[in-house]
Amino acid sequence: MASLGQEEGVVLNFDGGEIANTLQAHRILIYLQVQHSPAQALKGLESFCAQYFTERRHPSSPATLEAACVAAGLSPQEARRVVADENEALAETKAAIREQAGDRVDSVSYVMFEGRKRDFTLVGAKDAGEYGKILEQVEKGYT
């Protein structure tokens, strides 16, 4: 995975990072997507990834969660409120987890592309070329 990051100019640092439950980070992402926009959820995800994979920050600490919220465009006040209220978007998050478990998803990363005739799935760390191949297949289904 580190070599894939290096190809894109991203230095991934796995030395000494915390391994922890990421439920709260997923809850924040669901909140951002539902209450704000997919674009803001993406900014939050980018912040989480940078904090965890390059800065070795704890994935579910309040400071990490708040920083991701602010990076996504929330005010510091809203970020603190959402992080502190652990029930905010929790039901939606658990429902999404149950849905994925029903689809036998048990790993990260798991990316599904919906095609017109069939869906395509990539599991695990993949390089940009593999994503490109899948997107070409999806496009073929629409032409």
Foldseek 3Di string as FASTA:
>chain_A
DQVLCVVVVHGFDPPPADDDDQLLLLLLLLCCPPVPRNQLSVQLVVQLCCCCGPVSDHNLDLVSQLVSNVSSPDDSVVSNVSSVPSVRSNVVSVVVVVVVVVVVDDAPPWDWDDAPVHIDIDHDDDHPVVVVVRVVVRVVRVD
